[in-house]
């Protein structure tokens, strides 16, 4: 995970998953693709790093996947409509270069318990 930055009203960070990443193991082993659940976890990790709090996923109200992410490809996760505490729904968009990979709406709770990442 790269640094978390504010950009165009969103909180963003970049990720790259190596070929050896365990998430690729069971997901099309002969044609490795990053699972959607890992993309959701990227969005949660962005919140946790930005606010130094634990993000608890309450609901996935929308998850659309448009393009695969292969080992070694850099993706950028941009989270918008984010608050620093309480329960809220936010939007996350994952891209690789100009290509939209996925978009999701997640309902989360941020707790004051600091997450060590």
C-alpha atoms as a PDB file:
ATOM      1  CA  UNK A   1       0.000   0.000   0.000  1.00  0.00           C
ATOM      2  CA  UNK A   2       1.291   3.420  -0.944  1.00  0.00           C
ATOM      3  CA  UNK A   3       0.869   6.650   0.942  1.00  0.00           C
ATOM      4  CA  UNK A   4      -2.664   7.915   1.513  1.00  0.00           C
ATOM      5  CA  UNK A   5      -3.281  11.275  -0.155  1.00  0.00           C
ATOM      6  CA  UNK A   6      -6.193  13.659  -0.582  1.00  0.00           C
ATOM      7  CA  UNK A   7      -7.025  14.231  -4.233  1.00  0.00           C
ATOM      8  CA  UNK A   8     -10.069  15.915  -5.805  1.00  0.00           C
ATOM      9  CA  UNK A   9     -12.166  15.515  -2.636  1.00  0.00           C
ATOM     10  CA  UNK A  10     -11.243  11.838  -2.226  1.00  0.00           C
ATOM     11  CA  UNK A  11      -8.783   9.862  -0.150  1.00  0.00           C
ATOM     12  CA  UNK A  12      -6.558   7.798  -2.440  1.00  0.00           C
ATOM     13  CA  UNK A  13      -3.833   5.195  -2.244  1.00  0.00           C
ATOM     14  CA  UNK A  14      -2.131   2.814  -4.647  1.00  0.00           C
ATOM     15  CA  UNK A  15      -1.654  -0.938  -4.306  1.00  0.00           C
ATOM     16  CA  UNK A  16       0.377  -3.559  -6.152  1.00  0.00           C
ATOM     17  CA  UNK A  17      -0.033  -7.277  -5.495  1.00  0.00           C
ATOM     18  CA  UNK A  18       2.893  -9.538  -6.422  1.00  0.00           C
ATOM     19  CA  UNK A  19       2.431 -12.891  -8.146  1.00  0.00           C
ATOM     20  CA  UNK A  20       3.104 -14.584  -4.772  1.00  0.00           C
ATOM     21  CA  UNK A  21       0.184 -12.793  -3.029  1.00  0.00           C
ATOM     22  CA  UNK A  22      -1.904 -15.490  -1.322  1.00  0.00           C
ATOM     23  CA  UNK A  23      -5.143 -13.982  -2.636  1.00  0.00           C
ATOM     24  CA  UNK A  24      -4.243 -15.189  -6.131  1.00  0.00           C
ATOM     25  CA  UNK A  25      -3.852 -18.819  -4.982  1.00  0.00           C
ATOM     26  CA  UNK A  26      -7.441 -19.992  -5.281  1.00  0.00           C
ATOM     27  CA  UNK A  27      -8.761 -17.470  -7.783  1.00  0.00           C
ATOM     28  CA  UNK A  28      -8.184 -18.838 -11.273  1.00  0.00           C
ATOM     29  CA  UNK A  29      -4.740 -20.347 -10.479  1.00  0.00           C
ATOM     30  CA  UNK A  30      -3.759 -20.624 -14.157  1.00  0.00           C
ATOM     31  CA  UNK A  31      -4.903 -17.055 -14.900  1.00  0.00           C
ATOM     32  CA  UNK A  32      -4.469 -15.162 -11.637  1.00  0.00           C
ATOM     33  CA  UNK A  33      -6.993 -12.380 -10.992  1.00  0.00           C
ATOM     34  CA  UNK A  34      -7.298 -10.283  -7.838  1.00  0.00           C
ATOM     35  CA  UNK A  35     -10.508 -11.318  -6.039  1.00  0.00           C
ATOM     36  CA  UNK A  36     -13.217  -8.719  -5.456  1.00  0.00           C
ATOM     37  CA  UNK A  37     -13.010  -9.209  -1.701  1.00  0.00           C
ATOM     38  CA  UNK A  38      -9.383  -8.037  -1.848  1.00  0.00           C
ATOM     39  CA  UNK A  39     -10.505  -4.894  -3.645  1.00  0.00           C
ATOM     40  CA  UNK A  40     -13.032  -4.255  -0.878  1.00  0.00           C
ATOM     41  CA  UNK A  41     -10.237  -4.721   1.660  1.00  0.00           C
ATOM     42  CA  UNK A  42      -8.163  -2.114  -0.211  1.00  0.00           C
ATOM     43  CA  UNK A  43     -10.917   0.447   0.355  1.00  0.00           C
ATOM     44  CA  UNK A  44     -11.073  -0.390   4.061  1.00  0.00           C
ATOM     45  CA  UNK A  45      -7.282  -0.160   4.332  1.00  0.00           C
ATOM     46  CA  UNK A  46      -7.360   3.343   2.830  1.00  0.00           C
ATOM     47  CA  UNK A  47      -9.794   4.486   5.540  1.00  0.00           C
ATOM     48  CA  UNK A  48      -7.806   2.847   8.314  1.00  0.00           C
ATOM     49  CA  UNK A  49      -4.544   4.425   7.177  1.00  0.00           C
ATOM     50  CA  UNK A  50      -6.126   7.870   6.669  1.00  0.00           C
ATOM     51  CA  UNK A  51      -7.849   8.036  10.066  1.00  0.00           C
ATOM     52  CA  UNK A  52      -5.722   5.655  12.193  1.00  0.00           C
ATOM     53  CA  UNK A  53      -8.890   3.847  13.196  1.00  0.00           C
ATOM     54  CA  UNK A  54     -10.351   0.400  12.651  1.00  0.00           C
ATOM     55  CA  UNK A  55     -12.862   0.148   9.799  1.00  0.00           C
ATOM     56  CA  UNK A  56     -15.540  -2.461  10.379  1.00  0.00           C
ATOM     57  CA  UNK A  57     -17.470  -3.479   7.277  1.00  0.00           C
ATOM     58  CA  UNK A  58     -21.235  -3.483   7.911  1.00  0.00           C
ATOM     59  CA  UNK A  59     -22.634  -3.905   4.399  1.00  0.00           C
ATOM     60  CA  UNK A  60     -21.650  -4.061   0.752  1.00  0.00           C
ATOM     61  CA  UNK A  61     -24.552  -2.223  -0.873  1.00  0.00           C
ATOM     62  CA  UNK A  62     -22.968  -2.122  -4.344  1.00  0.00           C
ATOM     63  CA  UNK A  63     -20.043  -3.929  -5.950  1.00  0.00           C
ATOM     64  CA  UNK A  64     -19.443  -3.798  -9.691  1.00  0.00           C
ATOM     65  CA  UNK A  65     -16.355  -5.239 -11.345  1.00  0.00           C
ATOM     66  CA  UNK A  66     -15.389  -4.093 -14.828  1.00  0.00           C
ATOM     67  CA  UNK A  67     -11.811  -5.241 -15.483  1.00  0.00           C
ATOM     68  CA  UNK A  68      -9.440  -7.809 -13.968  1.00  0.00           C
ATOM     69  CA  UNK A  69      -6.379  -6.947 -11.891  1.00  0.00           C
ATOM     70  CA  UNK A  70      -3.393  -9.166 -12.643  1.00  0.00           C
ATOM     71  CA  UNK A  71      -0.275  -9.737 -10.525  1.00  0.00           C
ATOM     72  CA  UNK A  72       2.094  -6.779 -10.571  1.00  0.00           C
ATOM     73  CA  UNK A  73      -0.434  -4.240 -11.863  1.00  0.00           C
ATOM     74  CA  UNK A  74      -0.712  -1.034  -9.859  1.00  0.00           C
ATOM     75  CA  UNK A  75      -4.233  -0.024  -8.898  1.00  0.00           C
ATOM     76  CA  UNK A  76      -5.456   3.176  -7.310  1.00  0.00           C
ATOM     77  CA  UNK A  77      -8.322   3.192  -4.807  1.00  0.00           C
ATOM     78  CA  UNK A  78     -10.192   6.496  -4.409  1.00  0.00           C
ATOM     79  CA  UNK A  79     -12.690   6.773  -1.546  1.00  0.00           C
ATOM     80  CA  UNK A  80     -15.234   9.610  -1.439  1.00  0.00           C
ATOM     81  CA  UNK A  81     -18.049  10.698   0.907  1.00  0.00           C
ATOM     82  CA  UNK A  82     -15.867   9.680   3.838  1.00  0.00           C
ATOM     83  CA  UNK A  83     -16.293  10.756   7.467  1.00  0.00           C
ATOM     84  CA  UNK A  84     -13.794  10.382  10.291  1.00  0.00           C
ATOM     85  CA  UNK A  85     -16.109   8.703  12.799  1.00  0.00           C
ATOM     86  CA  UNK A  86     -19.370   6.857  13.280  1.00  0.00           C
ATOM     87  CA  UNK A  87     -21.226   4.768  10.740  1.00  0.00           C
ATOM     88  CA  UNK A  88     -21.495   5.930   7.132  1.00  0.00           C
ATOM     89  CA  UNK A  89     -21.678   4.730   3.544  1.00  0.00           C
ATOM     90  CA  UNK A  90     -18.900   5.729   1.176  1.00  0.00           C
ATOM     91  CA  UNK A  91     -18.028   5.147  -2.454  1.00  0.00           C
ATOM     92  CA  UNK A  92     -14.779   3.533  -3.597  1.00  0.00           C
ATOM     93  CA  UNK A  93     -13.563   3.468  -7.181  1.00  0.00           C
ATOM     94  CA  UNK A  94     -10.575   1.357  -8.191  1.00  0.00           C
ATOM     95  CA  UNK A  95      -8.698   2.114 -11.395  1.00  0.00           C
ATOM     96  CA  UNK A  96      -5.547   0.973 -13.150  1.00  0.00           C
ATOM     97  CA  UNK A  97      -4.332   3.837 -15.262  1.00  0.00           C
ATOM     98  CA  UNK A  98      -7.329   5.114 -17.244  1.00  0.00           C
ATOM     99  CA  UNK A  99      -9.264   1.829 -16.830  1.00  0.00           C
ATOM    100  CA  UNK A 100     -12.063   1.569 -14.262  1.00  0.00           C
ATOM    101  CA  UNK A 101     -11.613  -1.753 -12.451  1.00  0.00           C
ATOM    102  CA  UNK A 102     -14.441  -1.625  -9.923  1.00  0.00           C
ATOM    103  CA  UNK A 103     -16.764   0.580  -7.959  1.00  0.00           C
ATOM    104  CA  UNK A 104     -18.455  -0.114  -4.683  1.00  0.00           C
ATOM    105  CA  UNK A 105     -20.548   1.420  -1.955  1.00  0.00           C
ATOM    106  CA  UNK A 106     -19.662   0.178   1.500  1.00  0.00           C
ATOM    107  CA  UNK A 107     -21.267   0.878   4.848  1.00  0.00           C
ATOM    108  CA  UNK A 108     -18.669   0.947   7.601  1.00  0.00           C
ATOM    109  CA  UNK A 109     -18.097   1.953  11.170  1.00  0.00           C
ATOM    110  CA  UNK A 110     -14.838   3.585  12.201  1.00  0.00           C
ATOM    111  CA  UNK A 111     -13.934   2.829  15.779  1.00  0.00           C
ATOM    112  CA  UNK A 112     -11.478   4.696  17.965  1.00  0.00           C
ATOM    113  CA  UNK A 113      -9.343   1.581  18.290  1.00  0.00           C
ATOM    114  CA  UNK A 114      -6.196   2.468  16.387  1.00  0.00           C
ATOM    115  CA  UNK A 115      -5.230   0.001  13.708  1.00  0.00           C
ATOM    116  CA  UNK A 116      -1.534  -0.806  13.352  1.00  0.00           C
ATOM    117  CA  UNK A 117      -0.756  -0.941   9.637  1.00  0.00           C
END
